[in-house]
């Protein structure tokens, strides 16, 4: 149940419930923190078991976006949105345009992009109604699907982990247990395979499984529950969150945990437990920020070279976090939180929450409706 006590405890500024029976729209937008700028975070569509599950997901994800933007040095706050529904049955132009109109009414406090089960075609419908969206098609001045940049950032983070643990950033000869081979997972699989890694993978989507078997015949499929028992160097979660929990952590036979999934630790204490087991953990919001970095460049005019240069910085940032963790003898997730919170608190002293329109961030940009 949503309460002010819950919002206070998690630090949220605003939660908005959206409803449009004419198209079946049921959505929740959570704006966590706008100290650094307008909240930016993707919209995901999922068939949640309950509205309470959807609310819990959007609250956790939006908070993670605040920390992701802060640690990445971006002038953005954190937010997230979830659409409650079956992505295979409930998508429609009307649904996404209705959602876009609601986004427009928030006056730029929240800007959205692609996330789980949301693609460029869906974003284009949203863009018809509002400028407060990124990841739009390149023909309209956007950067398109951010998944390749998210995957590249995760790959750079994995390279940093390998350098820390093995003394070289090379993936040659390493074994990876990859959980989740959607858009980001498949892009990451190509980078890992090209780097010489052996891949064990799993997914709950038969379509994704067949695609990977066709495109990566050297990769080996294992069942969804068996992925935790694979004898590998690296566990790479790229599906939904909380897969590092009391039931799984003792089963892992890896030296590194690094992947694209959000909120991989079910509880913060699991980061400390990984450290006690001598497993190096690269926090998700530290290394999966490549997609956010990429779409943020749309504010100033997107350039692939500019995006790639920014995403490459994840390697050095990850090593800096590892150094802080060692110096203070604290878990890596705690060290990452410290740096993110330090930046937010420093800026909080010089400016208030972002309340204005985003027109100055989108100079000359029009919606598709007005093209």
Protein backbone atom coordinates (compact mmCIF):
# COMPACT_ATOMS: atom_id res chain seq x y z
CA UNK A 1 0.00 0.00 0.00
CA UNK A 2 1.27 3.46 -0.91
CA UNK A 3 1.69 5.82 2.02
CA UNK A 4 3.53 9.05 2.73
CA UNK A 5 5.68 7.14 5.21
CA UNK A 6 6.83 4.85 2.36
CA UNK A 7 7.55 7.81 0.09
CA UNK A 8 9.46 9.57 2.86
CA UNK A 9 11.52 6.45 3.60
CA UNK A 10 12.51 5.98 -0.05
CA UNK A 11 12.89 9.69 -0.82
CA UNK A 12 10.30 10.00 -3.59
CA UNK A 13 8.93 13.38 -4.63
CA UNK A 14 5.91 12.24 -6.64
CA UNK A 15 3.94 9.17 -7.66
CA UNK A 16 1.26 9.43 -10.35
CA UNK A 17 -1.34 6.82 -11.26
CA UNK A 18 -2.68 7.02 -14.82
CA UNK A 19 -5.92 5.51 -16.09
CA UNK A 20 -7.69 5.56 -19.45
CA UNK A 21 -10.39 2.87 -19.79
CA UNK A 22 -10.90 3.69 -23.47
CA UNK A 23 -7.57 2.07 -24.37
CA UNK A 24 -6.86 -0.01 -21.28
CA UNK A 25 -4.13 2.27 -19.97
CA UNK A 26 -3.06 1.47 -16.41
CA UNK A 27 0.27 3.06 -15.53
CA UNK A 28 2.30 4.32 -12.59
CA UNK A 29 4.97 7.01 -12.84
CA UNK A 30 7.38 7.51 -9.94
CA UNK A 31 9.56 10.62 -9.77
CA UNK A 32 12.22 9.93 -7.19
CA UNK A 33 14.55 12.93 -7.13
CA UNK A 34 14.98 15.98 -9.37
CA UNK A 35 17.88 17.68 -7.58
CA UNK A 36 20.23 17.24 -10.54
CA UNK A 37 17.61 17.87 -13.24
CA UNK A 38 14.37 16.47 -14.65
CA UNK A 39 13.74 12.82 -13.87
CA UNK A 40 14.63 10.49 -16.73
CA UNK A 41 13.94 6.77 -16.79
CA UNK A 42 12.43 4.18 -19.07
CA UNK A 43 8.90 2.85 -19.25
CA UNK A 44 8.48 -0.90 -18.97
CA UNK A 45 5.40 -2.99 -19.72
CA UNK A 46 4.80 -6.07 -17.63
CA UNK A 47 1.95 -8.34 -16.66
CA UNK A 48 2.34 -7.87 -12.92
CA UNK A 49 0.64 -10.29 -10.56
CA UNK A 50 -0.80 -7.39 -8.59
CA UNK A 51 -0.90 -3.60 -8.52
CA UNK A 52 1.17 -3.76 -5.33
CA UNK A 53 3.94 -5.57 -7.25
CA UNK A 54 3.84 -2.92 -9.97
CA UNK A 55 4.08 -0.14 -7.38
CA UNK A 56 6.99 -1.78 -5.58
CA UNK A 57 8.81 -2.24 -8.89
CA UNK A 58 8.41 1.35 -10.03
CA UNK A 59 9.46 2.75 -6.65
CA UNK A 60 12.65 0.68 -6.55
CA UNK A 61 13.49 1.30 -10.21
CA UNK A 62 12.98 5.07 -10.01
CA UNK A 63 15.28 5.34 -6.99
CA UNK A 64 17.90 3.37 -8.89
CA UNK A 65 17.66 5.85 -11.78
CA UNK A 66 18.51 8.74 -9.43
CA UNK A 67 21.68 6.98 -8.36
CA UNK A 68 22.49 5.93 -11.93
CA UNK A 69 22.33 9.50 -13.24
CA UNK A 70 24.29 10.83 -10.28
CA UNK A 71 27.17 8.34 -10.49
CA UNK A 72 27.33 8.85 -14.27
CA UNK A 73 27.81 12.61 -13.91
CA UNK A 74 24.58 13.43 -15.75
CA UNK A 75 22.48 16.49 -15.00
CA UNK A 76 19.36 14.40 -14.60
CA UNK A 77 17.17 13.10 -11.82
CA UNK A 78 15.61 9.69 -11.44
CA UNK A 79 12.20 8.43 -12.42
CA UNK A 80 10.54 5.36 -13.87
CA UNK A 81 7.17 4.24 -15.22
CA UNK A 82 5.41 0.92 -15.53
CA UNK A 83 2.52 0.00 -17.80
CA UNK A 84 0.44 -2.82 -16.37
CA UNK A 85 -0.55 -5.24 -19.12
CA UNK A 86 0.44 -8.03 -21.46
CA UNK A 87 2.91 -6.64 -24.02
CA UNK A 88 1.88 -9.33 -26.51
CA UNK A 89 -1.82 -8.45 -26.36
CA UNK A 90 -2.45 -5.02 -24.86
CA UNK A 91 -0.24 -2.69 -26.89
CA UNK A 92 -1.96 -0.18 -29.19
CA UNK A 93 -1.32 3.21 -30.74
CA UNK A 94 -4.14 4.65 -28.64
CA UNK A 95 -2.62 3.34 -25.40
CA UNK A 96 0.79 4.88 -26.04
CA UNK A 97 -0.63 8.17 -27.30
CA UNK A 98 -2.86 8.42 -24.23
CA UNK A 99 0.20 7.75 -22.09
CA UNK A 100 2.10 10.42 -24.02
CA UNK A 101 -0.60 13.01 -23.28
CA UNK A 102 -0.32 12.27 -19.58
CA UNK A 103 3.46 12.68 -19.81
CA UNK A 104 2.99 16.06 -21.44
CA UNK A 105 0.80 17.17 -18.54
CA UNK A 106 3.72 16.66 -16.13
CA UNK A 107 5.44 19.65 -17.76
CA UNK A 108 8.84 18.02 -18.16
CA UNK A 109 9.38 16.74 -14.63
CA UNK A 110 9.56 13.21 -16.05
CA UNK A 111 11.12 12.17 -19.37
CA UNK A 112 10.80 8.59 -20.55
CA UNK A 113 12.54 6.14 -22.89
CA UNK A 114 12.58 2.43 -23.78
CA UNK A 115 12.71 -0.27 -21.13
CA UNK A 116 11.55 -3.88 -20.82
CA UNK A 117 9.02 -4.74 -23.56
CA UNK A 118 9.00 -1.19 -24.95
CA UNK A 119 10.61 -0.56 -28.33
CA UNK A 120 11.26 2.34 -30.68
CA UNK A 121 7.88 1.88 -32.42
CA UNK A 122 6.11 2.34 -29.08
CA UNK A 123 8.24 5.38 -28.26
CA UNK A 124 7.28 6.92 -31.60
CA UNK A 125 3.61 6.82 -30.62
CA UNK A 126 4.44 8.53 -27.32
CA UNK A 127 6.54 11.11 -29.20
CA UNK A 128 3.47 12.02 -31.24
CA UNK A 129 2.04 13.63 -28.11
CA UNK A 130 5.01 14.90 -26.11
CA UNK A 131 8.59 16.08 -26.35
CA UNK A 132 9.31 14.53 -22.97
CA UNK A 133 10.66 11.31 -24.44
CA UNK A 134 14.06 10.13 -25.69
CA UNK A 135 15.16 7.07 -27.62
CA UNK A 136 13.01 8.17 -30.55
CA UNK A 137 13.83 7.08 -34.09
CA UNK A 138 16.96 8.52 -35.67
CA UNK A 139 14.89 10.03 -38.46
CA UNK A 140 13.34 12.33 -35.85
CA UNK A 141 16.64 13.34 -34.29
CA UNK A 142 16.80 10.60 -31.68
CA UNK A 143 19.23 7.77 -31.07
CA UNK A 144 16.87 4.84 -31.57
CA UNK A 145 17.14 1.69 -29.49
CA UNK A 146 19.46 2.27 -26.49
CA UNK A 147 20.05 -1.46 -25.90
CA UNK A 148 23.41 -1.64 -27.76
CA UNK A 149 24.77 1.20 -25.60
CA UNK A 150 23.47 -0.37 -22.40
CA UNK A 151 25.18 -3.61 -23.40
CA UNK A 152 28.44 -1.83 -24.21
CA UNK A 153 28.45 -0.15 -20.81
CA UNK A 154 27.89 -3.49 -19.07
CA UNK A 155 30.70 -4.99 -21.14
CA UNK A 156 33.05 -2.19 -20.06
CA UNK A 157 32.05 -2.88 -16.45
CA UNK A 158 32.75 -6.58 -16.89
CA UNK A 159 36.15 -5.72 -18.36
CA UNK A 160 36.90 -3.62 -15.28
CA UNK A 161 35.88 -6.55 -13.06
CA UNK A 162 38.18 -8.89 -14.98
CA UNK A 163 41.06 -6.44 -14.61
CA UNK A 164 40.45 -6.25 -10.86
CA UNK A 165 40.12 -10.04 -10.35
CA UNK A 166 42.35 -11.54 -13.07
CA UNK A 167 44.79 -8.71 -13.82
CA UNK A 168 43.61 -8.29 -17.43
CA UNK A 169 40.48 -6.83 -18.96
CA UNK A 170 40.42 -9.55 -21.62
CA UNK A 171 37.44 -11.94 -21.70
CA UNK A 172 39.36 -14.53 -23.65
CA UNK A 173 38.85 -17.96 -22.08
CA UNK A 174 36.40 -16.68 -19.45
CA UNK A 175 33.12 -18.46 -18.78
CA UNK A 176 29.94 -16.42 -18.38
CA UNK A 177 26.56 -17.49 -16.99
CA UNK A 178 24.20 -15.07 -18.75
CA UNK A 179 20.66 -14.79 -17.40
CA UNK A 180 18.24 -13.11 -19.81
CA UNK A 181 18.83 -12.75 -23.55
CA UNK A 182 16.43 -10.03 -24.57
CA UNK A 183 17.60 -7.02 -26.55
CA UNK A 184 20.35 -6.00 -24.11
CA UNK A 185 21.35 -9.60 -23.38
CA UNK A 186 21.80 -10.46 -27.04
CA UNK A 187 23.88 -7.35 -27.70
CA UNK A 188 26.02 -8.19 -24.68
CA UNK A 189 26.35 -11.80 -25.80
CA UNK A 190 27.87 -10.65 -29.07
CA UNK A 191 30.43 -8.50 -27.27
CA UNK A 192 31.31 -11.33 -24.88
CA UNK A 193 31.54 -13.90 -27.67
CA UNK A 194 33.66 -11.61 -29.83
CA UNK A 195 35.88 -11.12 -26.78
CA UNK A 196 36.50 -14.86 -26.55
CA UNK A 197 34.17 -15.82 -23.70
CA UNK A 198 32.28 -19.11 -23.39
CA UNK A 199 28.57 -18.45 -22.72
CA UNK A 200 25.99 -20.44 -20.80
CA UNK A 201 22.63 -18.71 -21.13
CA UNK A 202 19.03 -18.94 -20.03
CA UNK A 203 15.72 -17.13 -20.58
CA UNK A 204 12.00 -17.71 -19.98
CA UNK A 205 11.10 -16.65 -23.53
CA UNK A 206 11.15 -19.46 -26.08
CA UNK A 207 11.47 -16.86 -28.83
CA UNK A 208 14.62 -15.40 -27.27
CA UNK A 209 16.06 -18.86 -26.69
CA UNK A 210 15.58 -19.88 -30.32
CA UNK A 211 17.02 -16.59 -31.60
CA UNK A 212 20.18 -17.08 -29.54
CA UNK A 213 20.54 -20.72 -30.59
CA UNK A 214 20.38 -19.63 -34.23
CA UNK A 215 22.73 -16.65 -33.91
CA UNK A 216 25.14 -18.03 -31.29
CA UNK A 217 25.34 -21.79 -31.87
CA UNK A 218 28.44 -22.05 -29.68
CA UNK A 219 26.49 -20.81 -26.61
CA UNK A 220 25.02 -23.48 -24.33
CA UNK A 221 21.47 -23.27 -22.99
CA UNK A 222 20.65 -24.19 -19.37
CA UNK A 223 17.32 -24.09 -17.55
CA UNK A 224 16.23 -20.90 -15.74
CA UNK A 225 16.93 -22.36 -12.30
CA UNK A 226 20.14 -24.10 -13.36
CA UNK A 227 21.92 -20.85 -14.26
CA UNK A 228 22.86 -20.29 -10.59
CA UNK A 229 24.74 -23.60 -10.47
CA UNK A 230 26.90 -23.09 -13.56
CA UNK A 231 30.62 -23.32 -12.78
CA UNK A 232 31.64 -20.00 -14.35
CA UNK A 233 33.89 -16.98 -13.85
CA UNK A 234 31.08 -14.43 -14.15
CA UNK A 235 27.37 -14.40 -13.39
CA UNK A 236 25.68 -11.83 -15.61
CA UNK A 237 22.02 -11.12 -14.72
CA UNK A 238 20.22 -9.34 -17.57
CA UNK A 239 16.60 -10.15 -16.76
CA UNK A 240 14.49 -8.88 -13.86
CA UNK A 241 15.89 -7.93 -10.48
CA UNK A 242 16.45 -9.48 -7.04
CA UNK A 243 18.18 -12.61 -8.38
CA UNK A 244 20.91 -12.22 -5.75
CA UNK A 245 19.00 -13.38 -2.70
CA UNK A 246 19.13 -15.83 0.20
CA UNK A 247 18.07 -18.71 -2.02
CA UNK A 248 20.63 -18.16 -4.79
CA UNK A 249 23.71 -16.53 -3.32
CA UNK A 250 25.10 -19.74 -1.84
CA UNK A 251 24.70 -21.57 -5.14
CA UNK A 252 26.86 -19.22 -7.21
CA UNK A 253 30.26 -20.61 -8.19
CA UNK A 254 31.61 -17.40 -9.72
CA UNK A 255 34.21 -14.77 -8.92
CA UNK A 256 32.28 -11.84 -10.45
CA UNK A 257 28.67 -10.68 -10.55
CA UNK A 258 28.10 -8.04 -13.22
CA UNK A 259 25.08 -7.57 -15.45
CA UNK A 260 22.43 -5.28 -16.88
CA UNK A 261 19.41 -6.14 -14.71
CA UNK A 262 18.17 -3.44 -12.34
CA UNK A 263 18.07 -4.02 -8.57
CA UNK A 264 20.03 -7.28 -8.68
CA UNK A 265 20.43 -7.42 -4.89
CA UNK A 266 17.18 -8.32 -3.19
CA UNK A 267 18.48 -6.49 -0.12
CA UNK A 268 21.54 -4.28 0.40
CA UNK A 269 22.97 -6.83 2.84
CA UNK A 270 23.48 -9.22 -0.06
CA UNK A 271 26.22 -6.91 -1.32
CA UNK A 272 28.08 -7.42 1.94
CA UNK A 273 27.54 -11.16 1.69
CA UNK A 274 29.05 -11.25 -1.80
CA UNK A 275 32.08 -9.41 -0.43
CA UNK A 276 32.40 -11.92 2.43
CA UNK A 277 32.38 -14.72 -0.16
CA UNK A 278 35.15 -12.95 -2.16
CA UNK A 279 32.80 -12.37 -5.10
CA UNK A 280 33.35 -9.01 -6.81
CA UNK A 281 30.07 -7.23 -7.48
CA UNK A 282 29.63 -4.40 -9.99
CA UNK A 283 26.40 -2.60 -8.98
CA UNK A 284 23.83 -2.56 -11.74
CA UNK A 285 23.25 1.19 -11.80
CA UNK A 286 26.99 1.72 -12.08
CA UNK A 287 27.58 -0.37 -15.20
CA UNK A 288 24.18 -0.44 -16.94
CA UNK A 289 24.11 3.34 -17.38
CA UNK A 290 25.18 3.20 -21.04
CA UNK A 291 21.62 3.45 -22.34
CA UNK A 292 20.89 6.43 -20.09
CA UNK A 293 24.11 8.13 -21.16
CA UNK A 294 23.22 7.54 -24.80
CA UNK A 295 19.72 9.01 -24.68
CA UNK A 296 20.85 11.94 -22.53
CA UNK A 297 22.90 13.18 -25.47
CA UNK A 298 19.67 13.75 -27.41
CA UNK A 299 19.22 16.90 -25.31
CA UNK A 300 22.19 18.52 -27.06
CA UNK A 301 22.05 16.74 -30.42
CA UNK A 302 22.82 13.03 -30.62
CA UNK A 303 26.10 11.77 -32.00
CA UNK A 304 27.14 8.13 -32.00
CA UNK A 305 30.82 8.97 -31.46
CA UNK A 306 29.95 11.21 -28.53
CA UNK A 307 27.78 8.49 -27.04
CA UNK A 308 30.45 5.81 -27.40
CA UNK A 309 33.08 8.02 -25.75
CA UNK A 310 30.77 8.65 -22.81
CA UNK A 311 29.86 4.97 -22.39
CA UNK A 312 33.54 4.01 -22.43
CA UNK A 313 34.05 6.04 -19.22
CA UNK A 314 32.16 3.33 -17.31
CA UNK A 315 35.37 1.26 -17.29
CA UNK A 316 37.36 3.89 -15.38
CA UNK A 317 34.46 4.81 -13.09
CA UNK A 318 34.03 1.16 -12.11
CA UNK A 319 37.73 0.84 -11.23
CA UNK A 320 37.47 4.03 -9.16
CA UNK A 321 34.56 2.56 -7.21
CA UNK A 322 36.51 -0.65 -6.59
CA UNK A 323 39.39 1.44 -5.23
CA UNK A 324 37.07 3.29 -2.82
CA UNK A 325 35.59 -0.02 -1.69
CA UNK A 326 39.08 -1.36 -0.91
CA UNK A 327 40.25 1.81 0.82
CA UNK A 328 37.24 1.92 3.16
CA UNK A 329 36.81 -1.87 3.35
CA UNK A 330 33.13 -1.61 2.47
CA UNK A 331 30.96 -3.48 -0.05
CA UNK A 332 31.10 -2.13 -3.61
CA UNK A 333 27.40 -1.25 -3.63
CA UNK A 334 27.90 0.87 -0.51
CA UNK A 335 30.90 2.65 -2.08
CA UNK A 336 28.84 3.40 -5.19
CA UNK A 337 25.99 4.78 -3.09
CA UNK A 338 28.39 7.05 -1.21
CA UNK A 339 29.67 8.73 -4.38
CA UNK A 340 26.18 9.10 -5.87
CA UNK A 341 24.71 10.55 -2.68
CA UNK A 342 27.67 12.89 -2.24
CA UNK A 343 27.03 14.47 -5.64
CA UNK A 344 23.28 14.81 -5.05
CA UNK A 345 23.78 16.40 -1.64
CA UNK A 346 26.36 18.85 -2.95
CA UNK A 347 24.03 20.06 -5.69
CA UNK A 348 21.05 20.10 -3.33
CA UNK A 349 22.74 22.92 -1.46
CA UNK A 350 22.69 25.19 -4.51
CA UNK A 351 19.36 24.48 -6.20
CA UNK A 352 15.84 23.29 -5.44
CA UNK A 353 13.82 20.56 -7.13
CA UNK A 354 13.33 20.86 -10.88
CA UNK A 355 9.90 22.33 -11.58
CA UNK A 356 10.11 23.97 -14.99
CA UNK A 357 9.47 23.11 -18.61
CA UNK A 358 12.03 21.14 -20.60
CA UNK A 359 11.86 23.34 -23.68
CA UNK A 360 15.33 24.73 -22.96
CA UNK A 361 16.66 21.17 -23.03
CA UNK A 362 15.04 20.39 -26.39
CA UNK A 363 15.82 23.49 -28.46
CA UNK A 364 13.72 23.47 -31.60
CA UNK A 365 12.43 19.98 -30.96
CA UNK A 366 8.85 19.23 -31.96
CA UNK A 367 6.57 16.30 -31.40
CA UNK A 368 5.76 14.08 -34.36
CA UNK A 369 2.28 15.60 -34.16
CA UNK A 370 3.77 18.95 -35.18
CA UNK A 371 6.40 17.81 -37.68
